[in-house]
Amino acid sequence: MRIIFMGTPDFAVPALDALAARHQVVAVYSQPPRPGGRRGRELTPGPVHARALELGIAVRHPVSLKGAEEQAAFAALGADVAVVAAYGLILPRAVLGAPVHGCLNLHGSILPRWRGAAPIQRAILAGDEHTGVDIMQMEAGLDTGPVRASVRTTVAGKTTGALTSELALLGADLVARVLADLGAYPPVAQSAEGITYAHKVDKTEARLDFAAPAEQVLRQVLAFNPAPGAFFEAGGERYKVLAEELAEGGGTPGVTLDETLTIACGTGAIRPALVQRAGKPAMATADLLRGRPIPAGTLLA
């Protein structure tokens, strides 16, 4: 098939590889290069852009697809289908309808649960038992299109980074199977029940909420790893928590209960296992406390 691939972050790279190995990817659309590199001065292509260049595929990175000229250029590619995976731009109707079989989206949830921008983080924060990847036939609404295929996996204990990597591989395999025999995967309308929205993560959400139950604090750490990173403050300094465990004890939320950084929560307690100070490498909590002790009775913000 003649395929247009549209994606930007690491999540989309396995799908690009899977499709490029089996089909003719006539063009890749990705977000424009962003400042990065040394001191943020160099424009750096995103992961999909970089991988497409390695594969010898032409890359386009318009800032918008709303203009008639960009839409005409998209249609002129004569694609059988467009595959979209975390692209980052809204596709107008003219773009959605240009390929013969329309546009398919790899969405990181089991729709209609967690429509929107941050489905993986929201599934972890909500304590969902399962999530997955849907191959959705795109339409004008926000993740409202009919679903052609799904694959599931468990959520418990996984960080956003780990779950994203897992779903990327599952989605790549699934979209390859769907495009190998598109007629075998007819679109099925989403349920009208169970609709939830995965709003974009705000950095303020990453501050650990010790007033919540310990299990919810643990989910914060998992959901915001690797970015933006769950954190607390002590003595005016920020500590990013990369891993933690549930602990015995209780008390005033946010107060340390001992010299090992056991922290009381709304119910129960947690103990960080891997911590990173601003501008410093991550280290085991015991190693951190040897050089920078946080005494029992310290109120963390």
Protein backbone atom coordinates (compact mmCIF):
# COMPACT_ATOMS: atom_id res chain seq x y z
CA MET A 1 0.00 0.00 0.00
CA ARG A 2 1.01 3.64 -0.47
CA ILE A 3 1.10 5.03 3.05
CA ILE A 4 1.52 8.47 4.55
CA PHE A 5 2.87 8.19 8.08
CA MET A 6 2.21 10.98 10.58
CA GLY A 7 3.92 10.97 13.98
CA THR A 8 6.48 12.73 16.11
CA PRO A 9 7.70 11.08 19.38
CA ASP A 10 9.37 7.76 20.23
CA PHE A 11 5.95 6.12 20.63
CA ALA A 12 5.44 6.30 16.85
CA VAL A 13 8.83 4.98 15.71
CA PRO A 14 8.08 1.22 15.95
CA ALA A 15 4.95 1.69 13.81
CA LEU A 16 6.94 3.56 11.18
CA ASP A 17 9.51 0.75 11.10
CA ALA A 18 6.83 -1.92 10.83
CA LEU A 19 5.06 -0.20 7.95
CA ALA A 20 8.22 0.78 6.07
CA ALA A 21 9.26 -2.90 6.08
CA ARG A 22 6.03 -4.00 4.41
CA HIS A 23 4.67 -1.09 2.39
CA GLN A 24 5.68 2.01 0.46
CA VAL A 25 5.76 4.94 2.86
CA VAL A 26 5.52 7.82 0.38
CA ALA A 27 6.03 10.57 2.98
CA VAL A 28 6.36 11.16 6.69
CA TYR A 29 4.70 14.11 8.37
CA SER A 30 6.17 15.17 11.71
CA GLN A 31 6.31 18.19 13.99
CA PRO A 32 8.94 20.76 12.98
CA PRO A 33 12.41 20.44 14.54
CA ARG A 34 12.62 22.12 17.94
CA PRO A 35 15.51 23.92 19.65
CA GLY A 36 17.77 21.39 21.34
CA GLY A 37 21.32 20.19 21.28
CA ARG A 38 24.04 22.24 22.89
CA ARG A 39 22.55 25.10 24.90
CA GLY A 40 19.27 24.68 23.03
CA ARG A 41 20.50 26.58 19.98
CA GLU A 42 20.39 23.85 17.36
CA LEU A 43 17.13 22.76 15.77
CA THR A 44 16.73 19.05 16.50
CA PRO A 45 14.36 16.75 14.58
CA GLY A 46 11.99 14.59 16.60
CA PRO A 47 12.42 10.81 16.83
CA VAL A 48 10.10 10.00 13.90
CA HIS A 49 11.68 12.69 11.72
CA ALA A 50 15.16 11.33 12.48
CA ARG A 51 14.15 7.72 11.83
CA ALA A 52 12.49 8.63 8.52
CA LEU A 53 15.70 10.27 7.34
CA GLU A 54 17.61 7.08 8.24
CA LEU A 55 15.11 5.09 6.17
CA GLY A 56 15.43 7.49 3.24
CA ILE A 57 11.82 8.66 3.43
CA ALA A 58 10.88 12.25 2.58
CA VAL A 59 9.81 14.26 5.64
CA ARG A 60 7.37 17.15 5.72
CA HIS A 61 6.83 19.28 8.80
CA PRO A 62 4.20 21.96 8.18
CA VAL A 63 3.16 24.06 11.14
CA SER A 64 -0.48 23.62 10.09
CA LEU A 65 -2.58 21.56 7.69
CA LYS A 66 -5.41 24.07 7.47
CA GLY A 67 -4.21 25.82 4.31
CA ALA A 68 -5.40 24.81 0.84
CA GLU A 69 -1.83 24.52 -0.45
CA GLU A 70 -0.80 22.03 2.26
CA GLN A 71 -3.99 20.04 1.79
CA ALA A 72 -3.45 19.84 -1.96
CA ALA A 73 0.15 18.68 -1.41
CA PHE A 74 -1.11 15.97 0.95
CA ALA A 75 -3.75 14.77 -1.52
CA ALA A 76 -1.23 14.78 -4.39
CA LEU A 77 0.69 11.96 -2.69
CA GLY A 78 -2.06 9.59 -3.83
CA ALA A 79 -1.97 7.54 -0.63
CA ASP A 80 -4.08 4.47 0.01
CA VAL A 81 -4.14 5.27 3.73
CA ALA A 82 -2.56 7.59 6.28
CA VAL A 83 -1.42 6.19 9.62
CA VAL A 84 -1.29 8.65 12.52
CA ALA A 85 0.53 8.03 15.82
CA ALA A 86 0.95 10.93 18.26
CA TYR A 87 1.42 13.42 15.43
CA GLY A 88 0.46 16.58 17.32
CA LEU A 89 -1.66 18.45 14.75
CA ILE A 90 -5.42 18.39 14.14
CA LEU A 91 -6.28 16.90 10.75
CA PRO A 92 -8.91 18.90 8.83
CA ARG A 93 -11.70 17.08 6.99
CA ALA A 94 -9.94 17.58 3.65
CA VAL A 95 -6.92 15.69 4.97
CA LEU A 96 -8.97 12.97 6.66
CA GLY A 97 -10.75 12.22 3.41
CA ALA A 98 -7.83 12.42 1.00
CA PRO A 99 -6.41 8.85 1.19
CA VAL A 100 -8.48 6.06 -0.39
CA HIS A 101 -9.08 4.39 2.98
CA GLY A 102 -8.91 7.55 5.07
CA CYS A 103 -6.71 7.99 8.14
CA LEU A 104 -6.06 5.41 10.86
CA ASN A 105 -4.94 6.46 14.33
CA LEU A 106 -2.93 4.43 16.85
CA HIS A 107 -4.45 5.55 20.14
CA GLY A 108 -2.95 4.49 23.48
CA SER A 109 -6.11 3.42 25.29
CA ILE A 110 -9.19 1.24 24.91
CA LEU A 111 -11.73 3.70 23.56
CA PRO A 112 -14.01 5.36 24.52
CA ARG A 113 -12.02 5.47 27.77
CA TRP A 114 -9.32 8.13 27.75
CA ARG A 115 -9.94 10.04 24.59
CA GLY A 116 -7.48 12.89 24.26
CA ALA A 117 -3.87 13.89 24.75
CA ALA A 118 -2.55 11.88 27.73
CA PRO A 119 -4.29 8.48 27.84
CA ILE A 120 -1.35 6.54 29.28
CA GLN A 121 -0.75 8.89 32.21
CA ARG A 122 -4.46 9.09 32.98
CA ALA A 123 -4.86 5.30 32.98
CA ILE A 124 -2.04 4.99 35.53
CA LEU A 125 -3.35 7.82 37.73
CA ALA A 126 -6.84 6.33 37.72
CA GLY A 127 -5.56 2.93 38.82
CA ASP A 128 -6.92 1.19 35.72
CA GLU A 129 -6.21 -2.54 35.59
CA HIS A 130 -5.89 -2.63 31.80
CA THR A 131 -5.19 -0.34 28.88
CA GLY A 132 -4.07 -0.94 25.33
CA VAL A 133 -3.91 0.36 21.78
CA ASP A 134 -6.83 0.93 19.43
CA ILE A 135 -6.60 1.30 15.66
CA MET A 136 -9.27 3.91 15.05
CA GLN A 137 -10.72 5.17 11.78
CA MET A 138 -10.34 8.90 12.23
CA GLU A 139 -13.17 11.40 11.91
CA ALA A 140 -13.55 15.06 12.83
CA GLY A 141 -14.37 14.49 16.53
CA LEU A 142 -11.76 14.04 19.25
CA ASP A 143 -10.97 10.30 19.16
CA THR A 144 -14.60 9.52 18.39
CA GLY A 145 -14.10 7.39 15.27
CA PRO A 146 -14.98 3.70 14.92
CA VAL A 147 -12.39 1.15 16.04
CA ARG A 148 -10.98 -1.49 13.70
CA ALA A 149 -8.79 -3.44 16.15
CA SER A 150 -7.56 -3.43 19.74
CA VAL A 151 -4.87 -5.04 21.87
CA ARG A 152 -4.69 -4.95 25.67
CA THR A 153 -2.10 -5.09 28.43
CA THR A 154 -1.95 -4.62 32.20
CA VAL A 155 -1.18 -1.30 33.88
CA ALA A 156 -0.22 -2.05 37.50
CA GLY A 157 3.33 -1.18 38.54
CA LYS A 158 4.38 0.29 35.20
CA THR A 159 5.72 3.79 34.68
CA THR A 160 4.49 5.92 31.81
CA GLY A 161 7.86 5.37 30.12
CA ALA A 162 7.66 1.60 30.35
CA LEU A 163 3.99 1.44 29.39
CA THR A 164 4.51 3.78 26.45
CA SER A 165 7.31 1.59 25.10
CA GLU A 166 5.18 -1.52 25.50
CA LEU A 167 2.17 0.01 23.80
CA ALA A 168 4.34 1.33 20.96
CA LEU A 169 5.47 -2.20 20.12
CA LEU A 170 1.97 -3.65 20.49
CA GLY A 171 0.55 -0.89 18.29
CA ALA A 172 3.19 -1.41 15.62
CA ASP A 173 2.38 -5.10 15.38
CA LEU A 174 -1.36 -4.42 15.40
CA VAL A 175 -1.36 -1.78 12.65
CA ALA A 176 0.82 -4.00 10.48
CA ARG A 177 -1.71 -6.83 10.83
CA VAL A 178 -4.63 -4.52 10.11
CA LEU A 179 -3.06 -3.13 6.93
CA ALA A 180 -2.11 -6.60 5.75
CA ASP A 181 -5.85 -7.31 5.38
CA LEU A 182 -7.86 -4.15 5.97
CA GLY A 183 -11.13 -5.80 4.98
CA ALA A 184 -10.81 -8.27 7.83
CA TYR A 185 -10.98 -5.42 10.35
CA PRO A 186 -14.21 -3.52 9.71
CA PRO A 187 -14.78 -0.34 11.75
CA VAL A 188 -17.01 -0.76 14.80
CA ALA A 189 -18.66 2.26 16.43
CA GLN A 190 -17.47 3.14 19.93
CA SER A 191 -19.76 2.59 22.88
CA ALA A 192 -21.78 5.59 24.04
CA GLU A 193 -21.00 4.59 27.64
CA GLY A 194 -17.76 4.82 29.59
CA ILE A 195 -16.45 7.93 27.84
CA THR A 196 -13.60 9.68 29.67
CA TYR A 197 -11.15 12.36 28.57
CA ALA A 198 -7.39 12.28 29.05
CA HIS A 199 -6.57 15.94 29.46
CA LYS A 200 -3.01 17.06 28.79
CA VAL A 201 -0.74 16.76 31.82
CA ASP A 202 0.00 20.03 33.61
CA LYS A 203 3.37 20.25 35.36
CA THR A 204 1.63 21.35 38.56
CA GLU A 205 0.07 17.87 38.81
CA ALA A 206 3.52 16.39 39.37
CA ARG A 207 3.85 17.81 42.91
CA LEU A 208 3.23 14.84 45.19
CA ASP A 209 -0.09 15.12 47.01
CA PHE A 210 0.65 13.57 50.39
CA ALA A 211 -2.93 14.26 51.52
CA ALA A 212 -4.01 11.50 49.14
CA PRO A 213 -3.86 7.80 50.03
CA ALA A 214 -0.42 6.24 49.70
CA GLU A 215 -1.56 4.15 46.72
CA GLN A 216 -2.50 7.32 44.83
CA VAL A 217 0.85 8.95 45.64
CA LEU A 218 2.54 5.86 44.21
CA ARG A 219 0.50 6.25 41.03
CA GLN A 220 1.70 9.85 40.71
CA VAL A 221 5.29 8.66 40.73
CA LEU A 222 4.56 6.03 38.08
CA ALA A 223 2.46 8.32 35.89
CA PHE A 224 4.96 11.18 35.79
CA ASN A 225 8.04 9.06 35.15
CA PRO A 226 9.98 10.01 33.05
CA ALA A 227 8.32 13.41 32.55
CA PRO A 228 7.63 15.81 34.10
CA GLY A 229 8.75 13.83 37.17
CA ALA A 230 6.84 13.62 40.46
CA PHE A 231 8.47 15.74 43.16
CA PHE A 232 8.39 17.17 46.66
CA GLU A 233 10.27 20.07 48.23
CA ALA A 234 12.29 20.12 51.44
CA GLY A 235 14.31 23.04 52.72
CA GLY A 236 13.50 25.02 49.60
CA GLU A 237 14.99 22.34 47.34
CA ARG A 238 13.13 20.15 44.87
CA TYR A 239 13.51 16.36 44.99
CA LYS A 240 12.25 14.33 42.06
CA VAL A 241 11.00 10.85 43.03
CA LEU A 242 11.66 8.26 40.31
CA ALA A 243 10.62 5.16 42.27
CA GLU A 244 9.00 4.47 45.61
CA GLU A 245 7.33 1.77 47.65
CA LEU A 246 4.43 1.55 50.05
CA ALA A 247 5.49 1.62 53.69
CA GLU A 248 4.07 0.95 57.14
CA GLY A 249 3.00 3.86 59.29
CA GLY A 250 0.80 6.90 59.36
CA GLY A 251 0.63 10.41 60.68
CA THR A 252 0.30 13.99 59.49
CA PRO A 253 0.36 13.92 55.67
CA GLY A 254 3.68 15.06 54.25
CA VAL A 255 5.65 14.60 57.48
CA THR A 256 8.63 12.22 57.52
CA LEU A 257 8.18 9.40 60.02
CA ASP A 258 11.80 8.25 60.38
CA GLU A 259 15.35 8.79 59.18
CA THR A 260 14.81 6.64 56.03
CA LEU A 261 12.43 9.14 54.39
CA THR A 262 9.22 7.29 55.13
CA ILE A 263 6.50 9.87 54.44
CA ALA A 264 2.99 9.87 55.90
CA CYS A 265 0.12 10.17 53.43
CA GLY A 266 -3.61 10.71 53.82
CA THR A 267 -3.76 7.02 54.62
CA GLY A 268 -0.66 4.85 54.87
CA ALA A 269 2.84 5.94 53.96
CA ILE A 270 5.37 5.78 51.14
CA ARG A 271 9.15 5.54 51.01
CA PRO A 272 11.03 6.87 47.96
CA ALA A 273 13.53 4.37 46.56
CA LEU A 274 15.18 6.47 43.84
CA VAL A 275 15.49 10.24 44.18
CA GLN A 276 17.05 13.01 42.13
CA ARG A 277 17.99 16.47 43.36
CA ALA A 278 17.84 19.33 40.87
CA GLY A 279 20.90 19.23 38.62
CA LYS A 280 22.19 16.01 40.19
CA PRO A 281 22.17 12.35 39.08
CA ALA A 282 19.50 10.00 40.40
CA MET A 283 20.54 7.95 43.41
CA ALA A 284 19.17 5.46 45.91
CA THR A 285 17.48 7.17 48.83
CA ALA A 286 19.93 5.70 51.34
CA ASP A 287 22.82 7.21 49.41
CA LEU A 288 21.08 10.58 49.20
CA LEU A 289 20.40 10.70 52.93
CA ARG A 290 24.00 9.95 53.84
CA GLY A 291 25.06 13.22 52.27
CA ARG A 292 21.88 15.21 52.81
CA PRO A 293 19.81 13.87 55.72
CA ILE A 294 16.12 14.71 56.03
CA PRO A 295 15.27 14.25 59.73
CA ALA A 296 12.12 12.62 61.08
CA GLY A 297 9.41 15.20 61.64
CA THR A 298 10.25 17.24 58.54
CA LEU A 299 7.21 18.61 56.75
CA LEU A 300 7.60 18.20 52.99
CA ALA A 301 5.84 20.52 50.56
